[in-house]
Amino acid sequence: FTFLCLLAFNSDALAFESLNDLTVKLE
């Protein structure tokens, strides 16, 4: 559920965000 929401509701940013950015968002 968390993985799906991380990607689906953050989909605009995935085009330029790094893996580190995603880990920050998870935290």
PDB file of all heavy atoms in Angstrom:
ATOM      1  N   PHE A   1       0.828  -1.198   0.000  1.00  0.00           N
ATOM      2  CA  PHE A   1       0.000   0.000   0.000  1.00  0.00           C
ATOM      3  C   PHE A   1       0.867   1.255   0.000  1.00  0.00           C
ATOM      4  O   PHE A   1       0.616   2.196  -0.767  1.00  0.00           O
ATOM      5  CB  PHE A   1      -0.928  -0.013   1.219  1.00  0.00           C
ATOM      6  CG  PHE A   1      -1.929   1.099   1.232  1.00  0.00           C
ATOM      7  CD1 PHE A   1      -3.072   1.026   0.454  1.00  0.00           C
ATOM      8  CD2 PHE A   1      -1.733   2.225   2.026  1.00  0.00           C
ATOM      9  CE1 PHE A   1      -4.005   2.056   0.462  1.00  0.00           C
ATOM     10  CE2 PHE A   1      -2.659   3.255   2.038  1.00  0.00           C
ATOM     11  CZ  PHE A   1      -3.800   3.167   1.258  1.00  0.00           C
ATOM     12  N   THR A   2       1.900   1.283   0.832  1.00  0.00           N
ATOM     13  CA  THR A   2       2.783   2.448   0.899  1.00  0.00           C
ATOM     14  C   THR A   2       3.544   2.634  -0.404  1.00  0.00           C
ATOM     15  O   THR A   2       3.698   3.766  -0.894  1.00  0.00           O
ATOM     16  CB  THR A   2       3.782   2.296   2.063  1.00  0.00           C
ATOM     17  OG1 THR A   2       3.056   2.121   3.279  1.00  0.00           O
ATOM     18  CG2 THR A   2       4.669   3.518   2.181  1.00  0.00           C
ATOM     19  N   PHE A   3       4.019   1.536  -0.995  1.00  0.00           N
ATOM     20  CA  PHE A   3       4.760   1.606  -2.262  1.00  0.00           C
ATOM     21  C   PHE A   3       3.867   2.153  -3.373  1.00  0.00           C
ATOM     22  O   PHE A   3       4.283   3.024  -4.156  1.00  0.00           O
ATOM     23  CB  PHE A   3       5.278   0.214  -2.620  1.00  0.00           C
ATOM     24  CG  PHE A   3       6.148   0.172  -3.840  1.00  0.00           C
ATOM     25  CD1 PHE A   3       7.434   0.677  -3.821  1.00  0.00           C
ATOM     26  CD2 PHE A   3       5.677  -0.390  -5.027  1.00  0.00           C
ATOM     27  CE1 PHE A   3       8.249   0.633  -4.958  1.00  0.00           C
ATOM     28  CE2 PHE A   3       6.478  -0.444  -6.153  1.00  0.00           C
ATOM     29  CZ  PHE A   3       7.766   0.080  -6.122  1.00  0.00           C
ATOM     30  N   LEU A   4       2.628   1.657  -3.446  1.00  0.00           N
ATOM     31  CA  LEU A   4       1.696   2.123  -4.475  1.00  0.00           C
ATOM     32  C   LEU A   4       1.412   3.610  -4.308  1.00  0.00           C
ATOM     33  O   LEU A   4       1.439   4.373  -5.285  1.00  0.00           O
ATOM     34  CB  LEU A   4       0.395   1.318  -4.400  1.00  0.00           C
ATOM     35  CG  LEU A   4      -0.746   1.773  -5.330  1.00  0.00           C
ATOM     36  CD1 LEU A   4      -0.329   1.660  -6.790  1.00  0.00           C
ATOM     37  CD2 LEU A   4      -2.004   0.963  -5.080  1.00  0.00           C
ATOM     38  N   CYS A   5       1.155   4.037  -3.087  1.00  0.00           N
ATOM     39  CA  CYS A   5       0.847   5.447  -2.838  1.00  0.00           C
ATOM     40  C   CYS A   5       2.056   6.344  -3.099  1.00  0.00           C
ATOM     41  O   CYS A   5       1.915   7.459  -3.608  1.00  0.00           O
ATOM     42  CB  CYS A   5       0.334   5.633  -1.419  1.00  0.00           C
ATOM     43  SG  CYS A   5      -1.298   4.909  -1.142  1.00  0.00           S
ATOM     44  N   LEU A   6       3.250   5.860  -2.752  1.00  0.00           N
ATOM     45  CA  LEU A   6       4.467   6.622  -3.003  1.00  0.00           C
ATOM     46  C   LEU A   6       4.603   6.947  -4.487  1.00  0.00           C
ATOM     47  O   LEU A   6       4.934   8.075  -4.867  1.00  0.00           O
ATOM     48  CB  LEU A   6       5.699   5.842  -2.531  1.00  0.00           C
ATOM     49  CG  LEU A   6       7.061   6.432  -2.921  1.00  0.00           C
ATOM     50  CD1 LEU A   6       7.327   7.717  -2.152  1.00  0.00           C
ATOM     51  CD2 LEU A   6       8.181   5.418  -2.690  1.00  0.00           C
ATOM     52  N   LEU A   7       4.331   5.956  -5.331  1.00  0.00           N
ATOM     53  CA  LEU A   7       4.495   6.148  -6.774  1.00  0.00           C
ATOM     54  C   LEU A   7       3.294   6.837  -7.407  1.00  0.00           C
ATOM     55  O   LEU A   7       3.437   7.781  -8.188  1.00  0.00           O
ATOM     56  CB  LEU A   7       4.736   4.797  -7.452  1.00  0.00           C
ATOM     57  CG  LEU A   7       5.970   4.010  -6.995  1.00  0.00           C
ATOM     58  CD1 LEU A   7       6.152   2.774  -7.855  1.00  0.00           C
ATOM     59  CD2 LEU A   7       7.223   4.873  -7.047  1.00  0.00           C
ATOM     60  N   ALA A   8       2.084   6.360  -7.092  1.00  0.00           N
ATOM     61  CA  ALA A   8       0.888   6.875  -7.762  1.00  0.00           C
ATOM     62  C   ALA A   8       0.615   8.335  -7.418  1.00  0.00           C
ATOM     63  O   ALA A   8       0.324   9.150  -8.305  1.00  0.00           O
ATOM     64  CB  ALA A   8      -0.321   6.008  -7.409  1.00  0.00           C
ATOM     65  N   PHE A   9       0.704   8.695  -6.133  1.00  0.00           N
ATOM     66  CA  PHE A   9       0.385  10.053  -5.720  1.00  0.00           C
ATOM     67  C   PHE A   9       1.589  10.980  -5.781  1.00  0.00           C
ATOM     68  O   PHE A   9       1.486  12.154  -5.438  1.00  0.00           O
ATOM     69  CB  PHE A   9      -0.206  10.042  -4.312  1.00  0.00           C
ATOM     70  CG  PHE A   9      -1.575   9.430  -4.251  1.00  0.00           C
ATOM     71  CD1 PHE A   9      -1.749   8.141  -3.772  1.00  0.00           C
ATOM     72  CD2 PHE A   9      -2.673  10.124  -4.717  1.00  0.00           C
ATOM     73  CE1 PHE A   9      -3.010   7.568  -3.732  1.00  0.00           C
ATOM     74  CE2 PHE A   9      -3.937   9.565  -4.677  1.00  0.00           C
ATOM     75  CZ  PHE A   9      -4.115   8.281  -4.179  1.00  0.00           C
ATOM     76  N   ASN A  10       2.708  10.459  -6.238  1.00  0.00           N
ATOM     77  CA  ASN A  10       3.904  11.275  -6.417  1.00  0.00           C
ATOM     78  C   ASN A  10       4.369  11.184  -7.859  1.00  0.00           C
ATOM     79  O   ASN A  10       5.520  11.429  -8.181  1.00  0.00           O
ATOM     80  CB  ASN A  10       5.016  10.772  -5.476  1.00  0.00           C
ATOM     81  CG  ASN A  10       6.186  11.723  -5.390  1.00  0.00           C
ATOM     82  OD1 ASN A  10       6.006  12.931  -5.346  1.00  0.00           O
ATOM     83  ND2 ASN A  10       7.394  11.182  -5.385  1.00  0.00           N
ATOM     84  N   SER A  11       3.430  10.813  -8.750  1.00  0.00           N
ATOM     85  CA  SER A  11       3.818  10.429 -10.109  1.00  0.00           C
ATOM     86  C   SER A  11       4.401  11.579 -10.920  1.00  0.00           C
ATOM     87  O   SER A  11       5.236  11.361 -11.786  1.00  0.00           O
ATOM     88  CB  SER A  11       2.619   9.828 -10.848  1.00  0.00           C
ATOM     89  OG  SER A  11       1.539  10.744 -10.875  1.00  0.00           O
ATOM     90  N   ASP A  12       3.974  12.820 -10.674  1.00  0.00           N
ATOM     91  CA  ASP A  12       4.528  13.952 -11.417  1.00  0.00           C
ATOM     92  C   ASP A  12       6.015  14.124 -11.149  1.00  0.00           C
ATOM     93  O   ASP A  12       6.783  14.485 -12.034  1.00  0.00           O
ATOM     94  CB  ASP A  12       3.798  15.236 -11.040  1.00  0.00           C
ATOM     95  CG  ASP A  12       2.597  15.484 -11.930  1.00  0.00           C
ATOM     96  OD1 ASP A  12       2.399  14.698 -12.862  1.00  0.00           O
ATOM     97  OD2 ASP A  12       1.864  16.452 -11.674  1.00  0.00           O
ATOM     98  N   ALA A  13       6.425  13.854  -9.915  1.00  0.00           N
ATOM     99  CA  ALA A  13       7.813  14.096  -9.525  1.00  0.00           C
ATOM    100  C   ALA A  13       8.758  12.973  -9.932  1.00  0.00           C
ATOM    101  O   ALA A  13       9.969  13.163  -9.950  1.00  0.00           O
ATOM    102  CB  ALA A  13       7.890  14.305  -8.014  1.00  0.00           C
ATOM    103  N   LEU A  14       8.217  11.803 -10.254  1.00  0.00           N
ATOM    104  CA  LEU A  14       9.073  10.657 -10.555  1.00  0.00           C
ATOM    105  C   LEU A  14       9.934  10.869 -11.794  1.00  0.00           C
ATOM    106  O   LEU A  14      10.944  10.193 -11.980  1.00  0.00           O
ATOM    107  CB  LEU A  14       8.222   9.398 -10.730  1.00  0.00           C
ATOM    108  CG  LEU A  14       7.546   8.867  -9.462  1.00  0.00           C
ATOM    109  CD1 LEU A  14       6.652   7.684  -9.801  1.00  0.00           C
ATOM    110  CD2 LEU A  14       8.583   8.450  -8.447  1.00  0.00           C
ATOM    111  N   ALA A  15       9.527  11.795 -12.637  1.00  0.00           N
ATOM    112  CA  ALA A  15      10.293  12.037 -13.858  1.00  0.00           C
ATOM    113  C   ALA A  15      11.647  12.671 -13.568  1.00  0.00           C
ATOM    114  O   ALA A  15      12.558  12.572 -14.385  1.00  0.00           O
ATOM    115  CB  ALA A  15       9.493  12.927 -14.815  1.00  0.00           C
ATOM    116  N   PHE A  16      11.775  13.316 -12.418  1.00  0.00           N
ATOM    117  CA  PHE A  16      13.051  13.984 -12.124  1.00  0.00           C
ATOM    118  C   PHE A  16      13.612  13.657 -10.744  1.00  0.00           C
ATOM    119  O   PHE A  16      14.765  13.947 -10.468  1.00  0.00           O
ATOM    120  CB  PHE A  16      12.890  15.509 -12.264  1.00  0.00           C
ATOM    121  CG  PHE A  16      11.811  16.109 -11.421  1.00  0.00           C
ATOM    122  CD1 PHE A  16      12.042  16.442 -10.100  1.00  0.00           C
ATOM    123  CD2 PHE A  16      10.549  16.341 -11.955  1.00  0.00           C
ATOM    124  CE1 PHE A  16      11.043  16.998  -9.317  1.00  0.00           C
ATOM    125  CE2 PHE A  16       9.535  16.898 -11.185  1.00  0.00           C
ATOM    126  CZ  PHE A  16       9.784  17.227  -9.861  1.00  0.00           C
ATOM    127  N   GLU A  17      12.807  13.046  -9.855  1.00  0.00           N
ATOM    128  CA  GLU A  17      13.305  12.748  -8.513  1.00  0.00           C
ATOM    129  C   GLU A  17      14.262  11.568  -8.513  1.00  0.00           C
ATOM    130  O   GLU A  17      14.085  10.608  -9.263  1.00  0.00           O
ATOM    131  CB  GLU A  17      12.133  12.468  -7.567  1.00  0.00           C
ATOM    132  CG  GLU A  17      11.431  13.731  -7.090  1.00  0.00           C
ATOM    133  CD  GLU A  17      10.456  13.438  -5.972  1.00  0.00           C
ATOM    134  OE1 GLU A  17      10.027  12.284  -5.843  1.00  0.00           O
ATOM    135  OE2 GLU A  17      10.117  14.376  -5.222  1.00  0.00           O
ATOM    136  N   SER A  18      15.240  11.635  -7.652  1.00  0.00           N
ATOM    137  CA  SER A  18      16.210  10.559  -7.497  1.00  0.00           C
ATOM    138  C   SER A  18      15.698   9.541  -6.485  1.00  0.00           C
ATOM    139  O   SER A  18      14.703   9.770  -5.784  1.00  0.00           O
ATOM    140  CB  SER A  18      17.546  11.126  -7.036  1.00  0.00           C
ATOM    141  OG  SER A  18      17.407  11.665  -5.721  1.00  0.00           O
ATOM    142  N   LEU A  19      16.419   8.430  -6.367  1.00  0.00           N
ATOM    143  CA  LEU A  19      16.080   7.429  -5.348  1.00  0.00           C
ATOM    144  C   LEU A  19      16.201   8.036  -3.955  1.00  0.00           C
ATOM    145  O   LEU A  19      15.389   7.749  -3.062  1.00  0.00           O
ATOM    146  CB  LEU A  19      17.005   6.217  -5.481  1.00  0.00           C
ATOM    147  CG  LEU A  19      16.736   5.281  -6.654  1.00  0.00           C
ATOM    148  CD1 LEU A  19      17.895   4.301  -6.818  1.00  0.00           C
ATOM    149  CD2 LEU A  19      15.428   4.521  -6.450  1.00  0.00           C
ATOM    150  N   ASN A  20      17.197   8.887  -3.777  1.00  0.00           N
ATOM    151  CA  ASN A  20      17.370   9.527  -2.469  1.00  0.00           C
ATOM    152  C   ASN A  20      16.169  10.421  -2.141  1.00  0.00           C
ATOM    153  O   ASN A  20      15.703  10.457  -0.995  1.00  0.00           O
ATOM    154  CB  ASN A  20      18.649  10.357  -2.454  1.00  0.00           C
ATOM    155  CG  ASN A  20      18.979  10.877  -1.071  1.00  0.00           C
ATOM    156  OD1 ASN A  20      19.301  10.124  -0.159  1.00  0.00           O
ATOM    157  ND2 ASN A  20      18.866  12.199  -0.905  1.00  0.00           N
ATOM    158  N   ASP A  21      15.653  11.128  -3.159  1.00  0.00           N
ATOM    159  CA  ASP A  21      14.468  11.963  -2.957  1.00  0.00           C
ATOM    160  C   ASP A  21      13.283  11.122  -2.496  1.00  0.00           C
ATOM    161  O   ASP A  21      12.503  11.530  -1.626  1.00  0.00           O
ATOM    162  CB  ASP A  21      14.100  12.701  -4.240  1.00  0.00           C
ATOM    163  CG  ASP A  21      15.144  13.716  -4.656  1.00  0.00           C
ATOM    164  OD1 ASP A  21      15.817  14.261  -3.765  1.00  0.00           O
ATOM    165  OD2 ASP A  21      15.288  13.943  -5.875  1.00  0.00           O
ATOM    166  N   LEU A  22      13.135   9.935  -3.094  1.00  0.00           N
ATOM    167  CA  LEU A  22      12.019   9.061  -2.736  1.00  0.00           C
ATOM    168  C   LEU A  22      12.164   8.533  -1.317  1.00  0.00           C
ATOM    169  O   LEU A  22      11.173   8.388  -0.592  1.00  0.00           O
ATOM    170  CB  LEU A  22      11.920   7.899  -3.733  1.00  0.00           C
ATOM    171  CG  LEU A  22      11.527   8.273  -5.168  1.00  0.00           C
ATOM    172  CD1 LEU A  22      11.550   7.038  -6.060  1.00  0.00           C
ATOM    173  CD2 LEU A  22      10.158   8.923  -5.206  1.00  0.00           C
ATOM    174  N   THR A  23      13.400   8.232  -0.897  1.00  0.00           N
ATOM    175  CA  THR A  23      13.604   7.758   0.481  1.00  0.00           C
ATOM    176  C   THR A  23      13.274   8.869   1.484  1.00  0.00           C
ATOM    177  O   THR A  23      12.742   8.604   2.566  1.00  0.00           O
ATOM    178  CB  THR A  23      15.050   7.272   0.700  1.00  0.00           C
ATOM    179  OG1 THR A  23      15.965   8.349   0.485  1.00  0.00           O
ATOM    180  CG2 THR A  23      15.385   6.119  -0.240  1.00  0.00           C
ATOM    181  N   VAL A  24      13.594  10.111   1.112  1.00  0.00           N
ATOM    182  CA  VAL A  24      13.254  11.241   1.983  1.00  0.00           C
ATOM    183  C   VAL A  24      11.730  11.363   2.102  1.00  0.00           C
ATOM    184  O   VAL A  24      11.193  11.580   3.192  1.00  0.00           O
ATOM    185  CB  VAL A  24      13.865  12.546   1.438  1.00  0.00           C
ATOM    186  CG1 VAL A  24      13.315  13.761   2.207  1.00  0.00           C
ATOM    187  CG2 VAL A  24      15.380  12.508   1.536  1.00  0.00           C
ATOM    188  N   LYS A  25      11.041  11.208   0.980  1.00  0.00           N
ATOM    189  CA  LYS A  25       9.584  11.309   0.993  1.00  0.00           C
ATOM    190  C   LYS A  25       8.972  10.190   1.833  1.00  0.00           C
ATOM    191  O   LYS A  25       7.993  10.405   2.558  1.00  0.00           O
ATOM    192  CB  LYS A  25       9.043  11.266  -0.432  1.00  0.00           C
ATOM    193  CG  LYS A  25       7.581  11.672  -0.537  1.00  0.00           C
ATOM    194  CD  LYS A  25       7.195  11.950  -1.962  1.00  0.00           C
ATOM    195  CE  LYS A  25       5.808  12.570  -2.031  1.00  0.00           C
ATOM    196  NZ  LYS A  25       5.742  13.906  -1.405  1.00  0.00           N
ATOM    197  N   LEU A  26       9.545   8.992   1.751  1.00  0.00           N
ATOM    198  CA  LEU A  26       9.070   7.883   2.570  1.00  0.00           C
ATOM    199  C   LEU A  26       9.217   8.187   4.057  1.00  0.00           C
ATOM    200  O   LEU A  26       8.327   7.886   4.870  1.00  0.00           O
ATOM    201  CB  LEU A  26       9.834   6.601   2.228  1.00  0.00           C
ATOM    202  CG  LEU A  26       9.347   5.790   1.025  1.00  0.00           C
ATOM    203  CD1 LEU A  26      10.329   4.671   0.718  1.00  0.00           C
ATOM    204  CD2 LEU A  26       7.955   5.232   1.272  1.00  0.00           C
ATOM    205  N   GLU A  27      10.327   8.816   4.412  1.00  0.00           N
ATOM    206  CA  GLU A  27      10.560   9.114   5.826  1.00  0.00           C
ATOM    207  C   GLU A  27       9.650  10.237   6.317  1.00  0.00           C
ATOM    208  O   GLU A  27       9.099  10.176   7.425  1.00  0.00           O
ATOM    209  CB  GLU A  27      12.027   9.483   6.047  1.00  0.00           C
ATOM    210  CG  GLU A  27      12.397   9.628   7.510  1.00  0.00           C
ATOM    211  CD  GLU A  27      13.893   9.596   7.748  1.00  0.00           C
ATOM    212  OE1 GLU A  27      14.650   9.247   6.817  1.00  0.00           O
ATOM    213  OE2 GLU A  27      14.313   9.927   8.881  1.00  0.00           O
TER     214      GLU A  27
END
